[in-house]
Amino acid sequence: MDEKGRALAAHVQFLERNVKALEELVAKLIRMREEQEQFFSGVFTKSMEDVAAQEDCAPLAQCFTHLADASKKLAVDTHDVMLKRPEPEILQTLAQIQDWGIVPMRRLLEDRDKALKIEYKLQKEYDDKSRVSGAAREKEKKMRMLSDQKRRVENVNALIDQNMKKFEYFRVSKMKKVMNELARSQAFHHAKGLEYFAVPCASVTKLNPGEIADTMP
């Protein structure tokens, strides 16, 4: 493999590692979101409801109830965006970069490497024939074969240059979709959190320990 081939192969390997790293990261993110949803919609909500049911102070009990309701509603209403959408919108998109972009480019680079090896072999054979006297016909044959192979190498180089530009456009477009989905899903979750937890926050703010204490017999 020549210097250009090594540089291109290293670039493609770098991009492939990034795609795999993102796939692993998103898979971990989904697992974390699942655990978080299960905790807040299950253990946390149930605990808040139990505490509210046993609390003698009505305003305080109401705060616990509002926290439970907000947690449960947030988990339910963000479930699809946080847990269902990542598979088709992120993981499948990253798989497309791998299958439709990186794999074909790697094969093109392999074809280029094979073509160069054949060219080097033919060049050596031609050079060897050139040193032998009385082998004009064989030398001419090797020269034609070498010329044909050089054109094949030029063609595959042109194909790689053309496809590398198309691949980069394709890769960046898909990465844009992935980053957009990650950012929007997090923003959606936080926006819903602000919306739903506004009620318990208001309830807590209204709590007046002095007034509550004064009502004690």
Protein backbone atom coordinates (compact mmCIF):
# COMPACT_ATOMS: atom_id res chain seq x y z
CA MET A 1 0.00 0.00 0.00
CA ASP A 2 1.39 3.41 -0.96
CA GLU A 3 1.31 6.58 1.15
CA LYS A 4 -2.01 7.79 -0.27
CA GLY A 5 -3.58 4.40 0.35
CA ARG A 6 -2.35 4.32 3.93
CA ALA A 7 -3.68 7.83 4.58
CA LEU A 8 -7.10 7.00 3.11
CA ALA A 9 -7.30 3.69 4.98
CA ALA A 10 -6.37 5.41 8.26
CA HIS A 11 -9.06 8.04 7.65
CA VAL A 12 -11.75 5.42 6.98
CA GLN A 13 -10.68 3.42 10.07
CA PHE A 14 -10.88 6.59 12.16
CA LEU A 15 -14.42 7.29 10.95
CA GLU A 16 -15.43 3.69 11.59
CA ARG A 17 -14.13 3.86 15.17
CA ASN A 18 -16.14 7.03 15.74
CA VAL A 19 -19.33 5.40 14.48
CA LYS A 20 -18.83 2.38 16.72
CA ALA A 21 -18.05 4.62 19.70
CA LEU A 22 -21.29 6.53 19.12
CA GLU A 23 -23.27 3.30 18.81
CA GLU A 24 -21.90 2.11 22.15
CA LEU A 25 -22.56 5.50 23.75
CA VAL A 26 -26.18 5.64 22.55
CA ALA A 27 -26.78 2.06 23.69
CA LYS A 28 -25.53 3.03 27.17
CA LEU A 29 -27.68 6.17 27.07
CA ILE A 30 -30.78 4.10 26.30
CA ARG A 31 -30.03 1.72 29.17
CA MET A 32 -29.52 4.65 31.52
CA ARG A 33 -32.80 6.23 30.39
CA GLU A 34 -34.61 2.92 30.93
CA GLU A 35 -33.24 2.63 34.47
CA GLN A 36 -34.09 6.26 35.20
CA GLU A 37 -37.64 5.86 33.89
CA GLN A 38 -38.18 2.67 35.88
CA PHE A 39 -36.93 4.36 39.05
CA PHE A 40 -39.01 7.53 38.78
CA SER A 41 -42.18 5.88 37.48
CA GLY A 42 -41.87 3.02 39.99
CA VAL A 43 -39.88 3.26 43.22
CA PHE A 44 -39.77 7.06 43.48
CA THR A 45 -43.46 7.59 42.65
CA LYS A 46 -44.62 4.81 44.96
CA SER A 47 -42.48 6.14 47.82
CA MET A 48 -43.83 9.67 47.39
CA GLU A 49 -47.40 8.34 47.35
CA ASP A 50 -46.79 6.27 50.49
CA VAL A 51 -45.28 9.21 52.33
CA ALA A 52 -48.18 11.44 51.25
CA ALA A 53 -50.72 8.88 52.48
CA GLN A 54 -49.08 8.76 55.92
CA GLU A 55 -48.42 12.51 56.26
CA ASP A 56 -50.69 14.28 58.76
CA CYS A 57 -49.89 17.74 57.42
CA ALA A 58 -52.19 18.21 54.41
CA PRO A 59 -50.12 20.90 52.60
CA LEU A 60 -46.99 18.78 52.97
CA ALA A 61 -48.83 15.65 51.84
CA GLN A 62 -49.97 17.57 48.80
CA CYS A 63 -46.35 18.40 47.93
CA PHE A 64 -45.45 14.71 48.02
CA THR A 65 -48.46 13.88 45.85
CA HIS A 66 -47.56 16.55 43.31
CA LEU A 67 -43.98 15.20 43.14
CA ALA A 68 -45.29 11.69 42.54
CA ASP A 69 -47.72 12.85 39.85
CA ALA A 70 -45.10 14.94 38.04
CA SER A 71 -42.54 12.11 38.07
CA LYS A 72 -45.00 9.57 36.73
CA LYS A 73 -46.36 11.91 34.05
CA LEU A 74 -42.85 12.85 32.90
CA ALA A 75 -41.87 9.18 32.55
CA VAL A 76 -45.02 8.31 30.60
CA ASP A 77 -45.09 11.33 28.28
CA THR A 78 -41.38 11.20 27.36
CA HIS A 79 -41.17 7.41 26.95
CA ASP A 80 -41.46 7.33 23.16
CA VAL A 81 -38.97 10.15 22.53
CA MET A 82 -36.43 8.93 25.05
CA LEU A 83 -36.65 5.15 24.54
CA LYS A 84 -38.38 4.29 21.26
CA ARG A 85 -37.03 6.90 18.85
CA PRO A 86 -33.28 6.27 19.41
CA GLU A 87 -33.44 2.89 17.62
CA PRO A 88 -34.80 4.10 14.25
CA GLU A 89 -33.54 7.68 14.43
CA ILE A 90 -30.03 7.17 15.84
CA LEU A 91 -28.82 3.56 15.87
CA GLN A 92 -30.21 2.72 12.42
CA THR A 93 -28.75 5.96 11.04
CA LEU A 94 -25.30 5.09 12.41
CA ALA A 95 -25.67 1.61 10.90
CA GLN A 96 -26.37 3.24 7.52
CA ILE A 97 -23.12 5.19 7.75
CA GLN A 98 -21.30 1.93 8.36
CA ASP A 99 -23.10 -0.22 5.78
CA TRP A 100 -23.69 2.31 3.00
CA GLY A 101 -20.62 4.48 3.43
CA ILE A 102 -17.67 2.99 5.29
CA VAL A 103 -17.92 -0.59 3.98
CA PRO A 104 -18.07 0.43 0.27
CA MET A 105 -15.16 2.86 0.76
CA ARG A 106 -13.10 0.15 2.43
CA ARG A 107 -13.77 -2.17 -0.51
CA LEU A 108 -12.75 0.52 -2.97
CA LEU A 109 -9.48 0.98 -1.09
CA GLU A 110 -8.92 -2.78 -1.17
CA ASP A 111 -9.51 -2.74 -4.95
CA ARG A 112 -7.02 0.11 -5.29
CA ASP A 113 -4.42 -1.78 -3.28
CA LYS A 114 -4.86 -4.88 -5.45
CA ALA A 115 -4.62 -2.80 -8.63
CA LEU A 116 -1.40 -1.16 -7.42
CA LYS A 117 0.14 -4.53 -6.55
CA ILE A 118 -0.61 -5.80 -10.05
CA GLU A 119 0.88 -2.62 -11.53
CA TYR A 120 4.07 -3.00 -9.47
CA LYS A 121 4.33 -6.66 -10.53
CA LEU A 122 3.86 -5.81 -14.22
CA GLN A 123 6.34 -2.94 -13.93
CA LYS A 124 8.97 -5.31 -12.53
CA GLU A 125 8.29 -7.88 -15.24
CA TYR A 126 8.55 -5.19 -17.90
CA ASP A 127 11.81 -3.89 -16.44
CA ASP A 128 13.22 -7.44 -16.39
CA LYS A 129 12.27 -7.99 -20.04
CA SER A 130 13.89 -4.67 -20.96
CA ARG A 131 17.23 -5.97 -19.78
CA VAL A 132 17.00 -9.06 -21.97
CA SER A 133 18.04 -8.69 -25.62
CA GLY A 134 15.90 -10.25 -28.34
CA ALA A 135 12.69 -10.14 -26.35
CA ALA A 136 11.01 -7.27 -28.21
CA ARG A 137 7.67 -9.04 -28.71
CA GLU A 138 7.42 -10.10 -25.07
CA LYS A 139 8.51 -6.64 -23.97
CA GLU A 140 5.80 -5.03 -26.12
CA LYS A 141 3.19 -7.37 -24.62
CA LYS A 142 4.26 -6.48 -21.09
CA MET A 143 4.22 -2.80 -21.98
CA ARG A 144 0.58 -3.04 -23.19
CA MET A 145 -0.41 -4.93 -20.05
CA LEU A 146 1.35 -2.34 -17.90
CA SER A 147 -0.32 0.54 -19.73
CA ASP A 148 -3.74 -1.07 -19.30
CA GLN A 149 -3.10 -1.62 -15.61
CA LYS A 150 -1.96 1.98 -15.12
CA ARG A 151 -5.28 3.13 -16.61
CA ARG A 152 -7.13 0.82 -14.21
CA VAL A 153 -5.26 2.37 -11.28
CA GLU A 154 -6.08 5.86 -12.56
CA ASN A 155 -9.74 4.91 -12.88
CA VAL A 156 -9.96 3.47 -9.38
CA ASN A 157 -8.18 6.56 -7.99
CA ALA A 158 -10.69 8.81 -9.74
CA LEU A 159 -13.54 6.65 -8.43
CA ILE A 160 -12.20 6.87 -4.88
CA ASP A 161 -11.82 10.66 -5.08
CA GLN A 162 -15.36 11.00 -6.39
CA ASN A 163 -16.88 8.60 -3.87
CA MET A 164 -14.95 10.07 -0.94
CA LYS A 165 -16.68 13.42 -1.53
CA LYS A 166 -20.07 11.72 -1.81
CA PHE A 167 -19.35 9.67 1.29
CA GLU A 168 -18.36 12.73 3.31
CA TYR A 169 -21.58 14.50 2.30
CA PHE A 170 -23.58 11.38 3.22
CA ARG A 171 -21.73 10.90 6.53
CA VAL A 172 -22.11 14.52 7.67
CA SER A 173 -25.81 14.53 6.69
CA LYS A 174 -26.44 11.39 8.74
CA MET A 175 -24.37 12.67 11.67
CA LYS A 176 -26.39 15.88 11.58
CA LYS A 177 -29.55 13.80 11.97
CA VAL A 178 -28.03 11.86 14.89
CA MET A 179 -26.86 15.00 16.71
CA ASN A 180 -30.20 16.70 16.09
CA GLU A 181 -32.08 13.75 17.58
CA LEU A 182 -29.82 13.58 20.64
CA ALA A 183 -30.13 17.32 21.30
CA ARG A 184 -33.87 17.48 20.69
CA SER A 185 -34.69 14.46 22.84
CA GLN A 186 -32.75 15.90 25.77
CA ALA A 187 -34.34 19.32 25.26
CA PHE A 188 -37.82 17.73 25.07
CA HIS A 189 -37.25 15.82 28.32
CA HIS A 190 -36.00 18.92 30.15
CA ALA A 191 -38.83 21.08 28.77
CA LYS A 192 -41.44 18.57 29.94
CA GLY A 193 -39.67 18.35 33.29
CA LEU A 194 -39.89 22.12 33.72
CA GLU A 195 -43.56 22.02 32.73
CA TYR A 196 -44.63 19.14 34.98
CA PHE A 197 -42.49 20.00 37.99
CA ALA A 198 -43.74 23.59 38.04
CA VAL A 199 -46.72 22.37 40.08
CA PRO A 200 -44.74 20.64 42.87
CA CYS A 201 -42.28 23.55 42.92
CA ALA A 202 -45.18 25.96 43.43
CA SER A 203 -46.64 23.74 46.15
CA VAL A 204 -43.34 23.64 48.00
CA THR A 205 -42.94 27.42 47.67
CA LYS A 206 -46.37 27.97 49.21
CA LEU A 207 -45.53 25.88 52.26
CA ASN A 208 -45.46 28.16 55.30
CA PRO A 209 -43.93 26.34 58.28
CA GLY A 210 -45.07 29.08 60.65
CA GLU A 211 -48.71 28.92 59.62
CA ILE A 212 -48.66 25.11 59.70
CA ALA A 213 -47.12 25.11 63.17
CA ASP A 214 -49.75 27.58 64.41
CA THR A 215 -52.53 25.15 63.46
CA MET A 216 -51.14 22.52 65.79
CA PRO A 217 -53.37 21.98 68.83
